[in-house]
Amino acid sequence: MLEVRGLEARYGRIPALHGIELRVDAGELVALVGANGAGKSTLLRALSGIQAASGQILFQEQNIEKAAPERRVALGLVHAPEGRQVFGPLSVEDNLHLGAYRRGGKARVRSLERIYALFPALAERRGHAAGTLSGGQQQMLAIGRALMAEPRLLLLDEPSMGLAPRLVAEIFGCLRALRAADTAILLVEQNARAALAIADRAYVLETGRIVLAGTGQALAADAGVRAAYLGL
């Protein structure tokens, strides 16, 4: 579904990504783990087109490295960014509709019903301003808004950031459900233990370079990963 070859990015003169090579297959959940500043969010931004980058990005066998962000969304590559970034004064339902701005009425209604089934808390508060939701509910809303675009591949950045353990478990339960429904996910997550536990495959990023790759289970058992990222 996604293949990245030799991806480079920089902020001014400062290199941020160095020759990134990775892939995501259909229906996979692939995790990106690494320390703060390793380049994980930059990589997602480069894939969605909001960060300038060079190299090759193949999405469903199409070269998209020169495609505008809105074209990538239309193809099914959708980014739920770090920090939720919901529109606080707008209602929950209006936020969700914004995620489906390219899609017609019946398709939009079907997607809305799917999101409310996945996140019942959003259904209960559909008329409330998004800014009044808890942190966990805002994260559900950010994911739901991205899903309204019917992504083939969801780029998901730090969904557990700032959440209580109970809410983290709930969010990761939703990710399992999405994978079971054949939505491919490329997950950036600071909680390496939780990410590797649900990942089919994973990559370890250090200072803009991929230094290790393998199945989620294999990386969770790797002594270097356990010492550096799992606190073991």
C-alpha atoms as a PDB file:
ATOM      1  CA  MET A   1       0.000   0.000   0.000  1.00  0.00           C
ATOM      2  CA  LEU A   2       2.784   2.439   0.914  1.00  0.00           C
ATOM      3  CA  GLU A   3       6.450   2.249  -0.014  1.00  0.00           C
ATOM      4  CA  VAL A   4       8.974   4.937   0.864  1.00  0.00           C
ATOM      5  CA  ARG A   5      12.409   5.044  -0.737  1.00  0.00           C
ATOM      6  CA  GLY A   6      15.249   7.374   0.168  1.00  0.00           C
ATOM      7  CA  LEU A   7      13.063   9.988   1.880  1.00  0.00           C
ATOM      8  CA  GLU A   8      14.953  13.100   3.022  1.00  0.00           C
ATOM      9  CA  ALA A   9      13.654  16.184   4.822  1.00  0.00           C
ATOM     10  CA  ARG A  10      15.179  19.211   6.497  1.00  0.00           C
ATOM     11  CA  TYR A  11      14.226  22.310   8.434  1.00  0.00           C
ATOM     12  CA  GLY A  12      16.219  25.052   6.766  1.00  0.00           C
ATOM     13  CA  ARG A  13      19.799  23.796   6.822  1.00  0.00           C
ATOM     14  CA  ILE A  14      19.132  21.237   9.537  1.00  0.00           C
ATOM     15  CA  PRO A  15      18.588  17.667   8.252  1.00  0.00           C
ATOM     16  CA  ALA A  16      15.614  15.905   9.830  1.00  0.00           C
ATOM     17  CA  LEU A  17      15.236  12.661   7.854  1.00  0.00           C
ATOM     18  CA  HIS A  18      18.035  10.681   6.243  1.00  0.00           C
ATOM     19  CA  GLY A  19      17.220   8.192   3.487  1.00  0.00           C
ATOM     20  CA  ILE A  20      14.110   6.668   5.075  1.00  0.00           C
ATOM     21  CA  GLU A  21      13.032   3.317   3.624  1.00  0.00           C
ATOM     22  CA  LEU A  22       9.820   1.701   4.848  1.00  0.00           C
ATOM     23  CA  ARG A  23       6.615   0.058   3.721  1.00  0.00           C
ATOM     24  CA  VAL A  24       3.076  -0.525   4.955  1.00  0.00           C
ATOM     25  CA  ASP A  25       1.071  -3.397   3.480  1.00  0.00           C
ATOM     26  CA  ALA A  26      -2.711  -3.524   3.147  1.00  0.00           C
ATOM     27  CA  GLY A  27      -4.444  -4.067   6.480  1.00  0.00           C
ATOM     28  CA  GLU A  28      -1.233  -3.736   8.523  1.00  0.00           C
ATOM     29  CA  LEU A  29      -0.636  -1.735  11.647  1.00  0.00           C
ATOM     30  CA  VAL A  30       2.952  -0.502  11.506  1.00  0.00           C
ATOM     31  CA  ALA A  31       4.452   1.389  14.448  1.00  0.00           C
ATOM     32  CA  LEU A  32       7.190   4.023  14.451  1.00  0.00           C
ATOM     33  CA  VAL A  33       8.929   4.311  17.796  1.00  0.00           C
ATOM     34  CA  GLY A  34      11.791   6.486  18.946  1.00  0.00           C
ATOM     35  CA  ALA A  35      12.781   9.274  21.297  1.00  0.00           C
ATOM     36  CA  ASN A  36      11.447  12.826  21.115  1.00  0.00           C
ATOM     37  CA  GLY A  37      13.104  14.626  18.224  1.00  0.00           C
ATOM     38  CA  ALA A  38      13.891  11.427  16.321  1.00  0.00           C
ATOM     39  CA  GLY A  39      11.863  12.607  13.306  1.00  0.00           C
ATOM     40  CA  LYS A  40       8.702  10.524  13.711  1.00  0.00           C
ATOM     41  CA  SER A  41       6.206  13.376  13.298  1.00  0.00           C
ATOM     42  CA  THR A  42       8.306  14.888  10.516  1.00  0.00           C
ATOM     43  CA  LEU A  43       8.051  11.601   8.638  1.00  0.00           C
ATOM     44  CA  LEU A  44       4.248  11.586   8.872  1.00  0.00           C
ATOM     45  CA  ARG A  45       4.119  15.214   7.773  1.00  0.00           C
ATOM     46  CA  ALA A  46       6.304  14.397   4.769  1.00  0.00           C
ATOM     47  CA  LEU A  47       4.048  11.496   3.818  1.00  0.00           C
ATOM     48  CA  SER A  48       0.896  13.633   4.011  1.00  0.00           C
ATOM     49  CA  GLY A  49       2.513  16.445   2.021  1.00  0.00           C
ATOM     50  CA  ILE A  50       2.624  19.200   4.618  1.00  0.00           C
ATOM     51  CA  GLN A  51       6.404  18.939   5.055  1.00  0.00           C
ATOM     52  CA  ALA A  52       8.713  19.431   2.081  1.00  0.00           C
ATOM     53  CA  ALA A  53      10.735  16.296   1.356  1.00  0.00           C
ATOM     54  CA  SER A  54      12.674  14.560  -1.392  1.00  0.00           C
ATOM     55  CA  GLY A  55      12.777  10.898  -2.319  1.00  0.00           C
ATOM     56  CA  GLN A  56      10.083   8.539  -3.551  1.00  0.00           C
ATOM     57  CA  ILE A  57       6.674   7.927  -2.002  1.00  0.00           C
ATOM     58  CA  LEU A  58       4.577   5.225  -3.660  1.00  0.00           C
ATOM     59  CA  PHE A  59       0.981   4.937  -2.504  1.00  0.00           C
ATOM     60  CA  GLN A  60      -0.985   2.115  -4.106  1.00  0.00           C
ATOM     61  CA  GLU A  61       1.715   2.037  -6.783  1.00  0.00           C
ATOM     62  CA  GLN A  62       1.311   5.731  -7.612  1.00  0.00           C
ATOM     63  CA  ASN A  63       4.135   8.247  -7.188  1.00  0.00           C
ATOM     64  CA  ILE A  64       2.706  10.911  -4.881  1.00  0.00           C
ATOM     65  CA  GLU A  65       5.794  12.766  -3.671  1.00  0.00           C
ATOM     66  CA  LYS A  66       4.786  15.801  -5.783  1.00  0.00           C
ATOM     67  CA  ALA A  67       1.046  15.529  -5.051  1.00  0.00           C
ATOM     68  CA  ALA A  68      -0.650  18.252  -3.002  1.00  0.00           C
ATOM     69  CA  PRO A  69      -1.917  17.244   0.461  1.00  0.00           C
ATOM     70  CA  GLU A  70      -5.566  17.368  -0.660  1.00  0.00           C
ATOM     71  CA  ARG A  71      -4.769  15.013  -3.548  1.00  0.00           C
ATOM     72  CA  ARG A  72      -3.225  12.533  -1.114  1.00  0.00           C
ATOM     73  CA  VAL A  73      -6.385  12.678   1.012  1.00  0.00           C
ATOM     74  CA  ALA A  74      -8.497  11.989  -2.075  1.00  0.00           C
ATOM     75  CA  LEU A  75      -6.373   8.909  -2.784  1.00  0.00           C
ATOM     76  CA  GLY A  76      -6.965   7.637   0.753  1.00  0.00           C
ATOM     77  CA  LEU A  77      -3.856   8.778   2.650  1.00  0.00           C
ATOM     78  CA  VAL A  78      -5.185  10.622   5.715  1.00  0.00           C
ATOM     79  CA  HIS A  79      -3.237  12.199   8.594  1.00  0.00           C
ATOM     80  CA  ALA A  80      -4.492  12.611  12.169  1.00  0.00           C
ATOM     81  CA  PRO A  81      -1.847  14.981  13.570  1.00  0.00           C
ATOM     82  CA  GLU A  82      -0.293  15.213  16.998  1.00  0.00           C
ATOM     83  CA  GLY A  83      -2.132  17.356  19.526  1.00  0.00           C
ATOM     84  CA  ARG A  84      -5.696  16.544  18.343  1.00  0.00           C
ATOM     85  CA  GLN A  85      -6.244  19.996  16.765  1.00  0.00           C
ATOM     86  CA  VAL A  86     -10.023  19.874  16.934  1.00  0.00           C
ATOM     87  CA  PHE A  87     -12.053  23.015  16.210  1.00  0.00           C
ATOM     88  CA  GLY A  88     -13.088  23.915  19.743  1.00  0.00           C
ATOM     89  CA  PRO A  89     -16.048  26.261  19.099  1.00  0.00           C
ATOM     90  CA  LEU A  90     -17.652  23.854  16.596  1.00  0.00           C
ATOM     91  CA  SER A  91     -19.816  20.937  17.642  1.00  0.00           C
ATOM     92  CA  VAL A  92     -18.562  17.368  17.658  1.00  0.00           C
ATOM     93  CA  GLU A  93     -20.714  16.582  14.635  1.00  0.00           C
ATOM     94  CA  ASP A  94     -19.513  19.635  12.708  1.00  0.00           C
ATOM     95  CA  ASN A  95     -15.900  18.607  13.369  1.00  0.00           C
ATOM     96  CA  LEU A  96     -16.681  15.176  11.971  1.00  0.00           C
ATOM     97  CA  HIS A  97     -18.378  16.600   8.889  1.00  0.00           C
ATOM     98  CA  LEU A  98     -15.245  18.628   8.154  1.00  0.00           C
ATOM     99  CA  GLY A  99     -13.345  15.366   7.801  1.00  0.00           C
ATOM    100  CA  ALA A 100     -15.705  14.344   4.987  1.00  0.00           C
ATOM    101  CA  TYR A 101     -15.715  17.608   3.066  1.00  0.00           C
ATOM    102  CA  ARG A 102     -14.891  15.797  -0.194  1.00  0.00           C
ATOM    103  CA  ARG A 103     -17.691  13.252   0.120  1.00  0.00           C
ATOM    104  CA  GLY A 104     -21.412  13.309  -0.653  1.00  0.00           C
ATOM    105  CA  GLY A 105     -24.440  13.110   1.600  1.00  0.00           C
ATOM    106  CA  LYS A 106     -25.228   9.371   1.799  1.00  0.00           C
ATOM    107  CA  ALA A 107     -21.585   8.360   2.070  1.00  0.00           C
ATOM    108  CA  ARG A 108     -21.087  10.976   4.752  1.00  0.00           C
ATOM    109  CA  VAL A 109     -24.056   9.712   6.761  1.00  0.00           C
ATOM    110  CA  ARG A 110     -22.759   6.129   6.594  1.00  0.00           C
ATOM    111  CA  SER A 111     -19.347   7.257   7.824  1.00  0.00           C
ATOM    112  CA  LEU A 112     -20.913   9.265  10.631  1.00  0.00           C
ATOM    113  CA  GLU A 113     -22.875   6.221  11.799  1.00  0.00           C
ATOM    114  CA  ARG A 114     -19.667   4.158  11.731  1.00  0.00           C
ATOM    115  CA  ILE A 115     -17.802   6.733  13.849  1.00  0.00           C
ATOM    116  CA  TYR A 116     -20.587   6.918  16.418  1.00  0.00           C
ATOM    117  CA  ALA A 117     -20.628   3.108  16.652  1.00  0.00           C
ATOM    118  CA  LEU A 118     -16.856   3.082  17.167  1.00  0.00           C
ATOM    119  CA  PHE A 119     -16.901   5.983  19.663  1.00  0.00           C
ATOM    120  CA  PRO A 120     -20.245   6.006  21.549  1.00  0.00           C
ATOM    121  CA  ALA A 121     -19.036   8.891  23.737  1.00  0.00           C
ATOM    122  CA  LEU A 122     -19.010  11.114  20.637  1.00  0.00           C
ATOM    123  CA  ALA A 123     -22.568  10.118  19.776  1.00  0.00           C
ATOM    124  CA  GLU A 124     -23.687  11.141  23.251  1.00  0.00           C
ATOM    125  CA  ARG A 125     -22.066  14.567  22.880  1.00  0.00           C
ATOM    126  CA  ARG A 126     -22.599  15.178  19.174  1.00  0.00           C
ATOM    127  CA  GLY A 127     -24.140  18.604  19.745  1.00  0.00           C
ATOM    128  CA  HIS A 128     -21.557  19.807  22.281  1.00  0.00           C
ATOM    129  CA  ALA A 129     -18.691  22.136  21.422  1.00  0.00           C
ATOM    130  CA  ALA A 130     -15.533  20.122  20.805  1.00  0.00           C
ATOM    131  CA  GLY A 131     -13.607  22.348  23.203  1.00  0.00           C
ATOM    132  CA  THR A 132     -15.732  21.107  26.114  1.00  0.00           C
ATOM    133  CA  LEU A 133     -14.727  17.451  25.628  1.00  0.00           C
ATOM    134  CA  SER A 134     -12.201  15.660  27.805  1.00  0.00           C
ATOM    135  CA  GLY A 135      -8.741  14.977  26.408  1.00  0.00           C
ATOM    136  CA  GLY A 136      -9.650  11.387  25.633  1.00  0.00           C
ATOM    137  CA  GLN A 137     -12.862  12.390  23.878  1.00  0.00           C
ATOM    138  CA  GLN A 138     -10.991  14.996  21.839  1.00  0.00           C
ATOM    139  CA  GLN A 139      -8.552  12.297  20.731  1.00  0.00           C
ATOM    140  CA  MET A 140     -11.469  10.102  19.706  1.00  0.00           C
ATOM    141  CA  LEU A 141     -12.864  13.061  17.777  1.00  0.00           C
ATOM    142  CA  ALA A 142      -9.548  13.670  16.005  1.00  0.00           C
ATOM    143  CA  ILE A 143      -9.386  10.016  14.945  1.00  0.00           C
ATOM    144  CA  GLY A 144     -13.045  10.020  13.974  1.00  0.00           C
ATOM    145  CA  ARG A 145     -12.618  13.144  11.865  1.00  0.00           C
ATOM    146  CA  ALA A 146      -9.772  11.463   9.965  1.00  0.00           C
ATOM    147  CA  LEU A 147     -11.856   8.308   9.490  1.00  0.00           C
ATOM    148  CA  MET A 148     -14.651  10.371   7.960  1.00  0.00           C
ATOM    149  CA  ALA A 149     -12.430  10.683   4.885  1.00  0.00           C
ATOM    150  CA  GLU A 150     -12.538   6.866   4.520  1.00  0.00           C
ATOM    151  CA  PRO A 151      -8.748   6.414   4.568  1.00  0.00           C
ATOM    152  CA  ARG A 152      -7.061   3.420   3.030  1.00  0.00           C
ATOM    153  CA  LEU A 153      -4.054   4.295   5.189  1.00  0.00           C
ATOM    154  CA  LEU A 154      -4.351   6.319   8.401  1.00  0.00           C
ATOM    155  CA  LEU A 155      -1.268   8.223   9.586  1.00  0.00           C
ATOM    156  CA  LEU A 156      -1.806   8.544  13.325  1.00  0.00           C
ATOM    157  CA  ASP A 157       0.481  10.715  15.453  1.00  0.00           C
ATOM    158  CA  GLU A 158       0.735  10.194  19.238  1.00  0.00           C
ATOM    159  CA  PRO A 159      -2.873   9.189  19.999  1.00  0.00           C
ATOM    160  CA  SER A 160      -2.127   8.395  23.660  1.00  0.00           C
ATOM    161  CA  MET A 161      -0.356  11.664  24.492  1.00  0.00           C
ATOM    162  CA  GLY A 162      -1.524  13.102  27.807  1.00  0.00           C
ATOM    163  CA  LEU A 163      -4.192  10.460  28.413  1.00  0.00           C
ATOM    164  CA  ALA A 164      -4.872   8.431  31.548  1.00  0.00           C
ATOM    165  CA  PRO A 165      -4.057   4.698  31.302  1.00  0.00           C
ATOM    166  CA  ARG A 166      -7.746   3.727  31.059  1.00  0.00           C
ATOM    167  CA  LEU A 167      -8.240   6.022  28.071  1.00  0.00           C
ATOM    168  CA  VAL A 168      -5.012   4.816  26.458  1.00  0.00           C
ATOM    169  CA  ALA A 169      -6.361   1.265  26.618  1.00  0.00           C
ATOM    170  CA  GLU A 170      -9.634   2.438  25.060  1.00  0.00           C
ATOM    171  CA  ILE A 171      -7.874   4.221  22.196  1.00  0.00           C
ATOM    172  CA  PHE A 172      -5.673   1.213  21.475  1.00  0.00           C
ATOM    173  CA  GLY A 173      -8.740  -1.014  21.543  1.00  0.00           C
ATOM    174  CA  CYS A 174     -10.193   1.172  18.788  1.00  0.00           C
ATOM    175  CA  LEU A 175      -6.985   0.806  16.773  1.00  0.00           C
ATOM    176  CA  ARG A 176      -7.320  -2.966  16.985  1.00  0.00           C
ATOM    177  CA  ALA A 177     -10.893  -2.661  15.707  1.00  0.00           C
ATOM    178  CA  LEU A 178      -9.786  -0.494  12.787  1.00  0.00           C
ATOM    179  CA  ARG A 179      -7.081  -2.969  11.816  1.00  0.00           C
ATOM    180  CA  ALA A 180      -9.615  -5.802  12.017  1.00  0.00           C
ATOM    181  CA  ALA A 181     -11.768  -3.792   9.579  1.00  0.00           C
ATOM    182  CA  ASP A 182      -8.795  -3.647   7.138  1.00  0.00           C
ATOM    183  CA  THR A 183      -7.810  -0.008   7.679  1.00  0.00           C
ATOM    184  CA  ALA A 184      -4.018   0.144   7.399  1.00  0.00           C
ATOM    185  CA  ILE A 185      -2.382   2.317  10.077  1.00  0.00           C
ATOM    186  CA  LEU A 186       1.058   3.903  10.371  1.00  0.00           C
ATOM    187  CA  LEU A 187       1.270   4.758  14.056  1.00  0.00           C
ATOM    188  CA  VAL A 188       3.703   7.160  15.704  1.00  0.00           C
ATOM    189  CA  GLU A 189       3.588   6.546  19.435  1.00  0.00           C
ATOM    190  CA  GLN A 190       5.734   7.542  22.402  1.00  0.00           C
ATOM    191  CA  ASN A 191       4.273   4.652  24.408  1.00  0.00           C
ATOM    192  CA  ALA A 192       6.496   2.068  22.751  1.00  0.00           C
ATOM    193  CA  ARG A 193       5.255  -0.794  24.896  1.00  0.00           C
ATOM    194  CA  ALA A 194       1.622  -0.279  23.845  1.00  0.00           C
ATOM    195  CA  ALA A 195       2.530   0.366  20.202  1.00  0.00           C
ATOM    196  CA  LEU A 196       4.678  -2.749  19.815  1.00  0.00           C
ATOM    197  CA  ALA A 197       2.043  -4.874  21.531  1.00  0.00           C
ATOM    198  CA  ILE A 198      -0.461  -4.247  18.716  1.00  0.00           C
ATOM    199  CA  ALA A 199       1.888  -3.686  15.755  1.00  0.00           C
ATOM    200  CA  ASP A 200       2.274  -6.207  12.949  1.00  0.00           C
ATOM    201  CA  ARG A 201       5.640  -4.629  12.181  1.00  0.00           C
ATOM    202  CA  ALA A 202       7.630  -1.713  13.560  1.00  0.00           C
ATOM    203  CA  TYR A 203      10.536   0.600  12.831  1.00  0.00           C
ATOM    204  CA  VAL A 204      12.847   2.292  15.330  1.00  0.00           C
ATOM    205  CA  LEU A 205      13.832   5.831  14.367  1.00  0.00           C
ATOM    206  CA  GLU A 206      16.910   7.562  15.817  1.00  0.00           C
ATOM    207  CA  THR A 207      18.037  11.067  14.751  1.00  0.00           C
ATOM    208  CA  GLY A 208      16.161  10.809  11.463  1.00  0.00           C
ATOM    209  CA  ARG A 209      17.382   7.329  10.542  1.00  0.00           C
ATOM    210  CA  ILE A 210      15.734   3.930  10.744  1.00  0.00           C
ATOM    211  CA  VAL A 211      18.081   1.816  12.846  1.00  0.00           C
ATOM    212  CA  LEU A 212      15.972  -1.274  13.414  1.00  0.00           C
ATOM    213  CA  ALA A 213      12.963  -2.973  11.831  1.00  0.00           C
ATOM    214  CA  GLY A 214      11.015  -6.152  12.474  1.00  0.00           C
ATOM    215  CA  THR A 215       7.762  -7.532  13.785  1.00  0.00           C
ATOM    216  CA  GLY A 216       6.247  -5.812  16.790  1.00  0.00           C
ATOM    217  CA  GLN A 217       6.831  -8.936  18.851  1.00  0.00           C
ATOM    218  CA  ALA A 218      10.485  -9.217  17.814  1.00  0.00           C
ATOM    219  CA  LEU A 219      11.264  -5.588  18.609  1.00  0.00           C
ATOM    220  CA  ALA A 220       9.470  -5.818  21.954  1.00  0.00           C
ATOM    221  CA  ALA A 221      11.810  -8.696  22.820  1.00  0.00           C
ATOM    222  CA  ASP A 222      14.980  -6.970  21.527  1.00  0.00           C
ATOM    223  CA  ALA A 223      17.353  -6.155  24.397  1.00  0.00           C
ATOM    224  CA  GLY A 224      18.358  -2.765  22.949  1.00  0.00           C
ATOM    225  CA  VAL A 225      14.749  -1.688  22.383  1.00  0.00           C
ATOM    226  CA  ARG A 226      13.724  -2.897  25.849  1.00  0.00           C
ATOM    227  CA  ALA A 227      16.495  -0.890  27.488  1.00  0.00           C
ATOM    228  CA  ALA A 228      16.062   2.274  25.418  1.00  0.00           C
ATOM    229  CA  TYR A 229      12.275   2.497  25.038  1.00  0.00           C
ATOM    230  CA  LEU A 230      10.545   0.052  27.364  1.00  0.00           C
ATOM    231  CA  GLY A 231      12.427   0.830  30.564  1.00  0.00           C
ATOM    232  CA  LEU A 232      13.452  -2.808  31.021  1.00  0.00           C
END
